[in-house]
Amino acid sequence: MTDSAKSDRETQEGGNSHRCGVVALLGAPNAGKSTLLNGLVGAKISIVTHKVQTTRARIRGIAMEGDSQIVLVDTPGIFAAERRLERAMVAAAWAGARDADSIVLIYDASRKRIDKDTRMIIDGLKETNRRAVLVLNKIDAIKRERLLELIALFNAEGIFDETFMISALKGDGVKDLMSYLAASVPSGEWLFPDDQLSDLPMRLLAAEVTREKLFLHLHQELPYALTVETESWEDFQDGSARLEQTIYVQRDQHKSICLGKKGQMIRRIREEAQAELQEMTGRKIHLFLFVKVRERWVDDPERYREWGLEFNA
């Protein structure tokens, strides 16, 4: 019997128990969405930094649990956006929620109250008649009494089906959340092969790795508005690859910060990004970084198309 015939027969006999669904991760900036996504997938898919609004585009990670495939969408943090890029990021987050089978709202439990950004999300879910799963993150940073008060506050909103208390960074409680999501996604065929971790193009993922290193090393000195592009990717017969990336900044001063004294900073960033890319790909990577000033890159429609963002959001 051929594989396709076997699959058809299993489906007819009810033997195919596959489940698959899209789950959007919503939350205020720095709630821990990217850390949770990486924990659920079991690999680093979304970059994590101390800067708010690090995630710009919708990044999809693919988690497997038994016969269930969970397509997790790490959305940009939702907040009161003012600038064009910020508006596009928030619009992408709401689009991710609109297209998802279910929604997980992640809240930083170390905060003392429901902040205005989380309030905005709750109100938006109510307006669209969407329910959600509540995930209280960073529970190791809050006393139990305060945690119980938070749970009562959120449950009073009337839109949460379940509540999970986790530490995404330490992994506490993440397994229980994964089991719940796996059981709650709809029955259906998987959307991706079972060994695929993300649908993010490798060129874009490589650029995100370098952007993370920039933010981690320069988050105090360098403004938010920088971007990284993988300009070329050349594969060689020995399995290695040569990547050329350009870091775009808005001022000559920003370029000097990226380069560092005698080029020491850019070398350090290159070495760390190259090492992580080699670990991710399992191959030798030759990474070359260039820093260029492009004052109005944030108003370039091409950048938004590459990230899957709406330029005029």
C-alpha atoms as a PDB file:
ATOM      1  CA  MET A   1       0.000   0.000   0.000  1.00  0.00           C
ATOM      2  CA  THR A   2       1.372   3.436  -0.914  1.00  0.00           C
ATOM      3  CA  ASP A   3       1.880   6.099   1.747  1.00  0.00           C
ATOM      4  CA  SER A   4      -0.897   8.266   0.282  1.00  0.00           C
ATOM      5  CA  ALA A   5      -3.317   5.342   0.154  1.00  0.00           C
ATOM      6  CA  LYS A   6      -2.432   4.428   3.730  1.00  0.00           C
ATOM      7  CA  SER A   7      -3.035   8.043   4.818  1.00  0.00           C
ATOM      8  CA  ASP A   8      -6.428   8.093   3.053  1.00  0.00           C
ATOM      9  CA  ARG A   9      -7.434   4.826   4.690  1.00  0.00           C
ATOM     10  CA  GLU A  10      -6.367   6.080   8.150  1.00  0.00           C
ATOM     11  CA  THR A  11      -8.429   9.209   7.671  1.00  0.00           C
ATOM     12  CA  GLN A  12     -11.498   7.225   6.568  1.00  0.00           C
ATOM     13  CA  GLU A  13     -11.182   4.853   9.523  1.00  0.00           C
ATOM     14  CA  GLY A  14     -10.609   7.651  11.991  1.00  0.00           C
ATOM     15  CA  GLY A  15      -7.045   6.466  12.604  1.00  0.00           C
ATOM     16  CA  ASN A  16      -5.439   9.804  11.847  1.00  0.00           C
ATOM     17  CA  SER A  17      -5.424  11.700  15.135  1.00  0.00           C
ATOM     18  CA  HIS A  18      -3.389  14.684  13.974  1.00  0.00           C
ATOM     19  CA  ARG A  19      -4.225  18.072  15.438  1.00  0.00           C
ATOM     20  CA  CYS A  20      -2.957  21.429  14.266  1.00  0.00           C
ATOM     21  CA  GLY A  21      -3.696  25.028  15.120  1.00  0.00           C
ATOM     22  CA  VAL A  22      -2.295  28.551  15.192  1.00  0.00           C
ATOM     23  CA  VAL A  23      -1.793  30.133  18.615  1.00  0.00           C
ATOM     24  CA  ALA A  24      -0.996  33.856  18.886  1.00  0.00           C
ATOM     25  CA  LEU A  25       1.139  35.050  21.780  1.00  0.00           C
ATOM     26  CA  LEU A  26      -0.001  38.528  22.814  1.00  0.00           C
ATOM     27  CA  GLY A  27       1.291  40.783  25.541  1.00  0.00           C
ATOM     28  CA  ALA A  28       2.750  44.144  26.436  1.00  0.00           C
ATOM     29  CA  PRO A  29       6.392  44.816  25.506  1.00  0.00           C
ATOM     30  CA  ASN A  30       8.853  42.728  27.551  1.00  0.00           C
ATOM     31  CA  ALA A  31       6.170  40.395  28.912  1.00  0.00           C
ATOM     32  CA  GLY A  32       8.293  37.402  27.883  1.00  0.00           C
ATOM     33  CA  LYS A  33       6.602  36.332  24.637  1.00  0.00           C
ATOM     34  CA  SER A  34       9.814  35.559  22.755  1.00  0.00           C
ATOM     35  CA  THR A  35      11.318  33.636  25.677  1.00  0.00           C
ATOM     36  CA  LEU A  36       8.135  31.572  25.957  1.00  0.00           C
ATOM     37  CA  LEU A  37       8.060  30.903  22.213  1.00  0.00           C
ATOM     38  CA  ASN A  38      11.627  29.617  22.276  1.00  0.00           C
ATOM     39  CA  GLY A  39      10.837  27.452  25.303  1.00  0.00           C
ATOM     40  CA  LEU A  40       7.780  25.895  23.684  1.00  0.00           C
ATOM     41  CA  VAL A  41       9.556  25.227  20.380  1.00  0.00           C
ATOM     42  CA  GLY A  42      12.662  23.934  22.123  1.00  0.00           C
ATOM     43  CA  ALA A  43      14.988  26.077  20.032  1.00  0.00           C
ATOM     44  CA  LYS A  44      15.855  29.725  19.602  1.00  0.00           C
ATOM     45  CA  ILE A  45      13.518  31.170  16.986  1.00  0.00           C
ATOM     46  CA  SER A  46      12.829  34.672  18.276  1.00  0.00           C
ATOM     47  CA  ILE A  47      15.509  37.022  19.601  1.00  0.00           C
ATOM     48  CA  VAL A  48      15.426  38.066  23.241  1.00  0.00           C
ATOM     49  CA  THR A  49      16.883  41.326  24.580  1.00  0.00           C
ATOM     50  CA  HIS A  50      16.365  43.790  27.399  1.00  0.00           C
ATOM     51  CA  LYS A  51      15.004  46.388  24.977  1.00  0.00           C
ATOM     52  CA  VAL A  52      11.252  46.764  24.663  1.00  0.00           C
ATOM     53  CA  GLN A  53       9.631  46.181  21.268  1.00  0.00           C
ATOM     54  CA  THR A  54      12.488  43.954  20.105  1.00  0.00           C
ATOM     55  CA  THR A  55      10.202  41.704  18.048  1.00  0.00           C
ATOM     56  CA  ARG A  56       9.184  43.612  14.915  1.00  0.00           C
ATOM     57  CA  ALA A  57       7.505  41.073  12.668  1.00  0.00           C
ATOM     58  CA  ARG A  58       5.231  38.116  13.343  1.00  0.00           C
ATOM     59  CA  ILE A  59       7.562  35.164  13.860  1.00  0.00           C
ATOM     60  CA  ARG A  60       6.095  31.695  13.665  1.00  0.00           C
ATOM     61  CA  GLY A  61       7.622  28.865  15.647  1.00  0.00           C
ATOM     62  CA  ILE A  62       6.456  25.281  15.233  1.00  0.00           C
ATOM     63  CA  ALA A  63       6.078  23.114  18.329  1.00  0.00           C
ATOM     64  CA  MET A  64       5.272  19.403  18.349  1.00  0.00           C
ATOM     65  CA  GLU A  65       3.549  17.621  21.230  1.00  0.00           C
ATOM     66  CA  GLY A  66       2.409  14.067  20.536  1.00  0.00           C
ATOM     67  CA  ASP A  67       0.105  14.136  17.512  1.00  0.00           C
ATOM     68  CA  SER A  68      -0.398  17.903  17.792  1.00  0.00           C
ATOM     69  CA  GLN A  69       1.417  20.580  15.826  1.00  0.00           C
ATOM     70  CA  ILE A  70       1.157  24.035  17.408  1.00  0.00           C
ATOM     71  CA  VAL A  71       2.066  26.971  15.192  1.00  0.00           C
ATOM     72  CA  LEU A  72       3.033  29.692  17.650  1.00  0.00           C
ATOM     73  CA  VAL A  73       3.004  33.296  16.491  1.00  0.00           C
ATOM     74  CA  ASP A  74       5.315  35.598  18.458  1.00  0.00           C
ATOM     75  CA  THR A  75       3.793  39.030  17.885  1.00  0.00           C
ATOM     76  CA  PRO A  76       5.317  42.445  18.571  1.00  0.00           C
ATOM     77  CA  GLY A  77       4.333  43.918  21.920  1.00  0.00           C
ATOM     78  CA  ILE A  78       1.100  45.895  21.907  1.00  0.00           C
ATOM     79  CA  PHE A  79       1.359  49.444  23.200  1.00  0.00           C
ATOM     80  CA  ALA A  80       0.198  52.987  22.412  1.00  0.00           C
ATOM     81  CA  ALA A  81       2.114  53.410  19.154  1.00  0.00           C
ATOM     82  CA  GLU A  82       3.042  56.797  17.725  1.00  0.00           C
ATOM     83  CA  ARG A  83       5.759  56.357  15.080  1.00  0.00           C
ATOM     84  CA  ARG A  84       5.251  54.585  11.747  1.00  0.00           C
ATOM     85  CA  LEU A  85       7.285  51.507  12.657  1.00  0.00           C
ATOM     86  CA  GLU A  86       5.542  51.208  16.005  1.00  0.00           C
ATOM     87  CA  ARG A  87       2.098  51.454  14.389  1.00  0.00           C
ATOM     88  CA  ALA A  88       3.048  48.771  11.884  1.00  0.00           C
ATOM     89  CA  MET A  89       4.264  46.476  14.667  1.00  0.00           C
ATOM     90  CA  VAL A  90       1.079  46.854  16.704  1.00  0.00           C
ATOM     91  CA  ALA A  91      -1.042  46.270  13.597  1.00  0.00           C
ATOM     92  CA  ALA A  92       0.926  43.061  12.950  1.00  0.00           C
ATOM     93  CA  ALA A  93       0.245  41.894  16.499  1.00  0.00           C
ATOM     94  CA  TRP A  94      -3.518  42.389  16.153  1.00  0.00           C
ATOM     95  CA  ALA A  95      -3.462  40.709  12.730  1.00  0.00           C
ATOM     96  CA  GLY A  96      -1.743  37.723  14.329  1.00  0.00           C
ATOM     97  CA  ALA A  97      -4.504  37.527  16.921  1.00  0.00           C
ATOM     98  CA  ARG A  98      -7.232  37.864  14.314  1.00  0.00           C
ATOM     99  CA  ASP A  99      -5.865  35.000  12.212  1.00  0.00           C
ATOM    100  CA  ALA A 100      -5.185  32.615  15.119  1.00  0.00           C
ATOM    101  CA  ASP A 101      -7.282  29.689  16.317  1.00  0.00           C
ATOM    102  CA  SER A 102      -6.584  30.686  19.903  1.00  0.00           C
ATOM    103  CA  ILE A 103      -4.838  33.439  21.853  1.00  0.00           C
ATOM    104  CA  VAL A 104      -2.451  33.385  24.783  1.00  0.00           C
ATOM    105  CA  LEU A 105      -2.119  36.610  26.748  1.00  0.00           C
ATOM    106  CA  ILE A 106       1.211  36.799  28.551  1.00  0.00           C
ATOM    107  CA  TYR A 107       1.555  39.125  31.508  1.00  0.00           C
ATOM    108  CA  ASP A 108       4.641  40.044  33.506  1.00  0.00           C
ATOM    109  CA  ALA A 109       3.495  39.076  37.001  1.00  0.00           C
ATOM    110  CA  SER A 110       6.232  41.157  38.613  1.00  0.00           C
ATOM    111  CA  ARG A 111       4.228  44.277  37.749  1.00  0.00           C
ATOM    112  CA  LYS A 112       1.999  45.524  40.538  1.00  0.00           C
ATOM    113  CA  ARG A 113      -1.168  46.014  38.515  1.00  0.00           C
ATOM    114  CA  ILE A 114      -2.720  45.512  35.096  1.00  0.00           C
ATOM    115  CA  ASP A 115      -0.731  48.081  33.112  1.00  0.00           C
ATOM    116  CA  LYS A 116      -2.232  50.280  30.414  1.00  0.00           C
ATOM    117  CA  ASP A 117      -0.789  48.221  27.539  1.00  0.00           C
ATOM    118  CA  THR A 118      -2.273  44.986  28.903  1.00  0.00           C
ATOM    119  CA  ARG A 119      -5.540  46.829  29.540  1.00  0.00           C
ATOM    120  CA  MET A 120      -5.520  47.859  25.872  1.00  0.00           C
ATOM    121  CA  ILE A 121      -5.160  44.213  24.840  1.00  0.00           C
ATOM    122  CA  ILE A 122      -7.959  43.039  27.125  1.00  0.00           C
ATOM    123  CA  ASP A 123     -10.274  45.751  25.805  1.00  0.00           C
ATOM    124  CA  GLY A 124      -9.358  44.832  22.225  1.00  0.00           C
ATOM    125  CA  LEU A 125     -10.164  41.174  22.831  1.00  0.00           C
ATOM    126  CA  LYS A 126     -13.512  42.111  24.342  1.00  0.00           C
ATOM    127  CA  GLU A 127     -14.363  44.334  21.368  1.00  0.00           C
ATOM    128  CA  THR A 128     -13.718  41.450  18.955  1.00  0.00           C
ATOM    129  CA  ASN A 129     -15.407  38.820  21.165  1.00  0.00           C
ATOM    130  CA  ARG A 130     -12.216  36.795  21.493  1.00  0.00           C
ATOM    131  CA  ARG A 131     -11.368  34.652  24.491  1.00  0.00           C
ATOM    132  CA  ALA A 132      -7.846  33.850  25.613  1.00  0.00           C
ATOM    133  CA  VAL A 133      -5.624  31.762  27.852  1.00  0.00           C
ATOM    134  CA  LEU A 134      -3.910  33.796  30.564  1.00  0.00           C
ATOM    135  CA  VAL A 135      -0.237  33.145  31.253  1.00  0.00           C
ATOM    136  CA  LEU A 136       1.271  34.880  34.264  1.00  0.00           C
ATOM    137  CA  ASN A 137       5.008  34.954  33.614  1.00  0.00           C
ATOM    138  CA  LYS A 138       7.946  35.622  35.964  1.00  0.00           C
ATOM    139  CA  ILE A 139       6.066  34.179  38.943  1.00  0.00           C
ATOM    140  CA  ASP A 140       9.371  33.651  40.759  1.00  0.00           C
ATOM    141  CA  ALA A 141       9.526  37.438  41.196  1.00  0.00           C
ATOM    142  CA  ILE A 142       6.247  37.814  43.102  1.00  0.00           C
ATOM    143  CA  LYS A 143       4.830  36.642  46.422  1.00  0.00           C
ATOM    144  CA  ARG A 144       2.035  34.065  46.377  1.00  0.00           C
ATOM    145  CA  GLU A 145      -0.482  36.439  47.970  1.00  0.00           C
ATOM    146  CA  ARG A 146       0.061  39.011  45.246  1.00  0.00           C
ATOM    147  CA  LEU A 147      -0.170  36.297  42.603  1.00  0.00           C
ATOM    148  CA  LEU A 148      -3.591  35.235  43.848  1.00  0.00           C
ATOM    149  CA  GLU A 149      -4.731  38.868  43.746  1.00  0.00           C
ATOM    150  CA  LEU A 150      -3.585  39.153  40.130  1.00  0.00           C
ATOM    151  CA  ILE A 151      -5.431  35.986  39.141  1.00  0.00           C
ATOM    152  CA  ALA A 152      -8.631  37.363  40.678  1.00  0.00           C
ATOM    153  CA  LEU A 153      -8.196  40.682  38.835  1.00  0.00           C
ATOM    154  CA  PHE A 154      -7.761  39.002  35.463  1.00  0.00           C
ATOM    155  CA  ASN A 155     -10.517  36.433  35.966  1.00  0.00           C
ATOM    156  CA  ALA A 156     -12.931  39.271  36.727  1.00  0.00           C
ATOM    157  CA  GLU A 157     -12.517  40.357  33.092  1.00  0.00           C
ATOM    158  CA  GLY A 158     -14.513  37.302  31.998  1.00  0.00           C
ATOM    159  CA  ILE A 159     -12.532  36.427  28.872  1.00  0.00           C
ATOM    160  CA  PHE A 160     -10.002  33.864  30.114  1.00  0.00           C
ATOM    161  CA  ASP A 161     -10.623  30.134  29.769  1.00  0.00           C
ATOM    162  CA  GLU A 162      -7.571  28.945  31.709  1.00  0.00           C
ATOM    163  CA  THR A 163      -4.764  30.457  33.765  1.00  0.00           C
ATOM    164  CA  PHE A 164      -1.174  29.214  33.845  1.00  0.00           C
ATOM    165  CA  MET A 165       1.601  30.425  36.122  1.00  0.00           C
ATOM    166  CA  ILE A 166       5.062  30.050  34.625  1.00  0.00           C
ATOM    167  CA  SER A 167       8.630  31.228  34.509  1.00  0.00           C
ATOM    168  CA  ALA A 168       9.438  31.217  30.800  1.00  0.00           C
ATOM    169  CA  LEU A 169      13.115  31.846  31.515  1.00  0.00           C
ATOM    170  CA  LYS A 170      13.470  28.885  33.898  1.00  0.00           C
ATOM    171  CA  GLY A 171      10.945  26.668  32.122  1.00  0.00           C
ATOM    172  CA  ASP A 172       8.704  26.260  35.159  1.00  0.00           C
ATOM    173  CA  GLY A 173       5.106  25.517  34.169  1.00  0.00           C
ATOM    174  CA  VAL A 174       5.828  25.588  30.435  1.00  0.00           C
ATOM    175  CA  LYS A 175       5.216  21.845  30.014  1.00  0.00           C
ATOM    176  CA  ASP A 176       1.707  22.130  31.467  1.00  0.00           C
ATOM    177  CA  LEU A 177       0.933  25.001  29.094  1.00  0.00           C
ATOM    178  CA  MET A 178       2.235  22.984  26.154  1.00  0.00           C
ATOM    179  CA  SER A 179       0.028  20.009  27.064  1.00  0.00           C
ATOM    180  CA  TYR A 180      -3.022  22.251  27.275  1.00  0.00           C
ATOM    181  CA  LEU A 181      -2.351  23.882  23.902  1.00  0.00           C
ATOM    182  CA  ALA A 182      -1.715  20.513  22.264  1.00  0.00           C
ATOM    183  CA  ALA A 183      -5.094  19.222  23.469  1.00  0.00           C
ATOM    184  CA  SER A 184      -6.979  22.392  22.519  1.00  0.00           C
ATOM    185  CA  VAL A 185      -5.880  22.903  18.897  1.00  0.00           C
ATOM    186  CA  PRO A 186      -8.364  21.641  16.288  1.00  0.00           C
ATOM    187  CA  SER A 187      -8.164  18.258  14.579  1.00  0.00           C
ATOM    188  CA  GLY A 188      -6.485  18.541  11.207  1.00  0.00           C
ATOM    189  CA  GLU A 189      -3.415  17.851   9.110  1.00  0.00           C
ATOM    190  CA  TRP A 190      -0.104  19.403  10.067  1.00  0.00           C
ATOM    191  CA  LEU A 191       0.847  22.542   8.178  1.00  0.00           C
ATOM    192  CA  PHE A 192       4.595  21.873   8.306  1.00  0.00           C
ATOM    193  CA  PRO A 193       6.970  18.883   8.428  1.00  0.00           C
ATOM    194  CA  ASP A 194       7.397  17.596  11.976  1.00  0.00           C
ATOM    195  CA  ASP A 195      11.104  18.554  12.054  1.00  0.00           C
ATOM    196  CA  GLN A 196      10.622  22.169  10.939  1.00  0.00           C
ATOM    197  CA  LEU A 197      11.023  24.736  13.720  1.00  0.00           C
ATOM    198  CA  SER A 198      10.012  27.958  11.983  1.00  0.00           C
ATOM    199  CA  ASP A 199       8.778  29.388   8.708  1.00  0.00           C
ATOM    200  CA  LEU A 200      11.139  32.362   9.012  1.00  0.00           C
ATOM    201  CA  PRO A 201      13.522  32.542   6.006  1.00  0.00           C
ATOM    202  CA  MET A 202      17.098  31.781   7.041  1.00  0.00           C
ATOM    203  CA  ARG A 203      18.387  35.094   5.666  1.00  0.00           C
ATOM    204  CA  LEU A 204      15.966  36.986   7.894  1.00  0.00           C
ATOM    205  CA  LEU A 205      16.685  34.775  10.903  1.00  0.00           C
ATOM    206  CA  ALA A 206      20.419  35.381  10.435  1.00  0.00           C
ATOM    207  CA  ALA A 207      19.817  39.131  10.394  1.00  0.00           C
ATOM    208  CA  GLU A 208      17.780  38.832  13.592  1.00  0.00           C
ATOM    209  CA  VAL A 209      20.654  37.040  15.323  1.00  0.00           C
ATOM    210  CA  THR A 210      23.013  39.922  14.548  1.00  0.00           C
ATOM    211  CA  ARG A 211      20.401  42.494  15.586  1.00  0.00           C
ATOM    212  CA  GLU A 212      20.069  40.721  18.928  1.00  0.00           C
ATOM    213  CA  LYS A 213      23.825  40.984  19.550  1.00  0.00           C
ATOM    214  CA  LEU A 214      23.723  44.695  18.733  1.00  0.00           C
ATOM    215  CA  PHE A 215      20.897  45.282  21.179  1.00  0.00           C
ATOM    216  CA  LEU A 216      22.521  43.224  23.922  1.00  0.00           C
ATOM    217  CA  HIS A 217      25.834  45.071  23.711  1.00  0.00           C
ATOM    218  CA  LEU A 218      24.634  48.554  22.818  1.00  0.00           C
ATOM    219  CA  HIS A 219      21.171  48.855  24.337  1.00  0.00           C
ATOM    220  CA  GLN A 220      22.276  51.706  26.594  1.00  0.00           C
ATOM    221  CA  GLU A 221      24.184  53.653  23.953  1.00  0.00           C
ATOM    222  CA  LEU A 222      22.358  53.009  20.701  1.00  0.00           C
ATOM    223  CA  PRO A 223      18.794  54.145  19.923  1.00  0.00           C
ATOM    224  CA  TYR A 224      16.099  51.682  18.995  1.00  0.00           C
ATOM    225  CA  ALA A 225      16.131  52.601  15.304  1.00  0.00           C
ATOM    226  CA  LEU A 226      18.666  50.296  13.705  1.00  0.00           C
ATOM    227  CA  THR A 227      18.144  47.372  11.379  1.00  0.00           C
ATOM    228  CA  VAL A 228      20.172  44.530   9.891  1.00  0.00           C
ATOM    229  CA  GLU A 229      19.865  43.054   6.419  1.00  0.00           C
ATOM    230  CA  THR A 230      21.466  39.910   5.006  1.00  0.00           C
ATOM    231  CA  GLU A 231      22.647  41.232   1.653  1.00  0.00           C
ATOM    232  CA  SER A 232      24.142  37.983   0.350  1.00  0.00           C
ATOM    233  CA  TRP A 233      24.319  34.296   1.267  1.00  0.00           C
ATOM    234  CA  GLU A 234      26.738  32.083  -0.654  1.00  0.00           C
ATOM    235  CA  ASP A 235      26.915  28.318  -0.079  1.00  0.00           C
ATOM    236  CA  PHE A 236      30.144  26.409  -0.738  1.00  0.00           C
ATOM    237  CA  GLN A 237      30.761  22.768  -1.667  1.00  0.00           C
ATOM    238  CA  ASP A 238      32.435  22.037   1.668  1.00  0.00           C
ATOM    239  CA  GLY A 239      29.152  22.871   3.434  1.00  0.00           C
ATOM    240  CA  SER A 240      30.220  26.281   4.698  1.00  0.00           C
ATOM    241  CA  ALA A 241      28.521  29.556   3.835  1.00  0.00           C
ATOM    242  CA  ARG A 242      29.552  33.191   3.437  1.00  0.00           C
ATOM    243  CA  LEU A 243      27.115  35.832   4.692  1.00  0.00           C
ATOM    244  CA  GLU A 244      27.346  39.557   4.164  1.00  0.00           C
ATOM    245  CA  GLN A 245      25.134  41.726   6.354  1.00  0.00           C
ATOM    246  CA  THR A 246      24.623  45.463   6.500  1.00  0.00           C
ATOM    247  CA  ILE A 247      23.733  47.271   9.706  1.00  0.00           C
ATOM    248  CA  TYR A 248      21.760  50.432   8.911  1.00  0.00           C
ATOM    249  CA  VAL A 249      21.792  53.271  11.440  1.00  0.00           C
ATOM    250  CA  GLN A 250      20.424  56.801  11.271  1.00  0.00           C
ATOM    251  CA  ARG A 251      23.422  58.915  12.331  1.00  0.00           C
ATOM    252  CA  ASP A 252      27.198  58.979  11.861  1.00  0.00           C
ATOM    253  CA  GLN A 253      27.475  58.923  15.642  1.00  0.00           C
ATOM    254  CA  HIS A 254      25.506  55.667  15.733  1.00  0.00           C
ATOM    255  CA  LYS A 255      27.918  54.174  13.209  1.00  0.00           C
ATOM    256  CA  SER A 256      30.862  55.037  15.450  1.00  0.00           C
ATOM    257  CA  ILE A 257      29.119  53.364  18.401  1.00  0.00           C
ATOM    258  CA  CYS A 258      28.571  50.171  16.395  1.00  0.00           C
ATOM    259  CA  LEU A 259      32.185  50.035  15.260  1.00  0.00           C
ATOM    260  CA  GLY A 260      33.679  50.832  18.657  1.00  0.00           C
ATOM    261  CA  LYS A 261      37.234  51.891  19.377  1.00  0.00           C
ATOM    262  CA  LYS A 262      39.514  50.500  16.664  1.00  0.00           C
ATOM    263  CA  GLY A 263      36.615  48.312  15.480  1.00  0.00           C
ATOM    264  CA  GLN A 264      36.588  46.245  18.667  1.00  0.00           C
ATOM    265  CA  MET A 265      32.807  46.350  19.171  1.00  0.00           C
ATOM    266  CA  ILE A 266      31.847  45.284  15.658  1.00  0.00           C
ATOM    267  CA  ARG A 267      34.376  42.428  15.829  1.00  0.00           C
ATOM    268  CA  ARG A 268      32.866  41.217  19.071  1.00  0.00           C
ATOM    269  CA  ILE A 269      29.345  41.367  17.650  1.00  0.00           C
ATOM    270  CA  ARG A 270      30.457  39.563  14.490  1.00  0.00           C
ATOM    271  CA  GLU A 271      32.157  36.795  16.458  1.00  0.00           C
ATOM    272  CA  GLU A 272      29.142  36.195  18.699  1.00  0.00           C
ATOM    273  CA  ALA A 273      26.643  36.277  15.831  1.00  0.00           C
ATOM    274  CA  GLN A 274      28.813  33.981  13.732  1.00  0.00           C
ATOM    275  CA  ALA A 275      29.173  31.486  16.580  1.00  0.00           C
ATOM    276  CA  GLU A 276      25.416  31.390  17.168  1.00  0.00           C
ATOM    277  CA  LEU A 277      24.671  30.985  13.465  1.00  0.00           C
ATOM    278  CA  GLN A 278      27.125  28.102  13.268  1.00  0.00           C
ATOM    279  CA  GLU A 279      25.403  26.424  16.200  1.00  0.00           C
ATOM    280  CA  MET A 280      21.958  26.998  14.680  1.00  0.00           C
ATOM    281  CA  THR A 281      22.859  25.734  11.213  1.00  0.00           C
ATOM    282  CA  GLY A 282      25.403  23.059  12.116  1.00  0.00           C
ATOM    283  CA  ARG A 283      27.808  24.400   9.511  1.00  0.00           C
ATOM    284  CA  LYS A 284      30.806  26.707   9.182  1.00  0.00           C
ATOM    285  CA  ILE A 285      29.712  30.319   8.718  1.00  0.00           C
ATOM    286  CA  HIS A 286      31.885  33.171   7.461  1.00  0.00           C
ATOM    287  CA  LEU A 287      30.108  36.358   8.529  1.00  0.00           C
ATOM    288  CA  PHE A 288      31.011  39.825   7.272  1.00  0.00           C
ATOM    289  CA  LEU A 289      29.398  42.934   8.754  1.00  0.00           C
ATOM    290  CA  PHE A 290      29.203  46.428   7.298  1.00  0.00           C
ATOM    291  CA  VAL A 291      27.765  49.532   8.954  1.00  0.00           C
ATOM    292  CA  LYS A 292      26.077  52.205   6.830  1.00  0.00           C
ATOM    293  CA  VAL A 293      24.203  55.387   7.605  1.00  0.00           C
ATOM    294  CA  ARG A 294      20.724  55.605   6.094  1.00  0.00           C
ATOM    295  CA  GLU A 295      18.894  58.389   7.878  1.00  0.00           C
ATOM    296  CA  ARG A 296      15.380  57.490   6.795  1.00  0.00           C
ATOM    297  CA  TRP A 297      15.544  53.708   6.542  1.00  0.00           C
ATOM    298  CA  VAL A 298      12.557  53.563   8.908  1.00  0.00           C
ATOM    299  CA  ASP A 299      10.452  55.199   6.157  1.00  0.00           C
ATOM    300  CA  ASP A 300      11.505  52.757   3.430  1.00  0.00           C
ATOM    301  CA  PRO A 301       8.514  50.602   2.324  1.00  0.00           C
ATOM    302  CA  GLU A 302      10.861  47.789   1.282  1.00  0.00           C
ATOM    303  CA  ARG A 303      11.928  47.222   4.902  1.00  0.00           C
ATOM    304  CA  TYR A 304       8.294  46.771   5.915  1.00  0.00           C
ATOM    305  CA  ARG A 305       7.589  44.315   3.096  1.00  0.00           C
ATOM    306  CA  GLU A 306      10.562  42.209   4.184  1.00  0.00           C
ATOM    307  CA  TRP A 307       9.219  41.995   7.740  1.00  0.00           C
ATOM    308  CA  GLY A 308       5.632  41.379   6.611  1.00  0.00           C
ATOM    309  CA  LEU A 309       4.471  44.720   8.032  1.00  0.00           C
ATOM    310  CA  GLU A 310       1.972  47.198   6.622  1.00  0.00           C
ATOM    311  CA  PHE A 311       3.765  50.406   5.683  1.00  0.00           C
ATOM    312  CA  ASN A 312       0.664  52.549   6.077  1.00  0.00           C
ATOM    313  CA  ALA A 313      -0.745  50.895   9.209  1.00  0.00           C
END
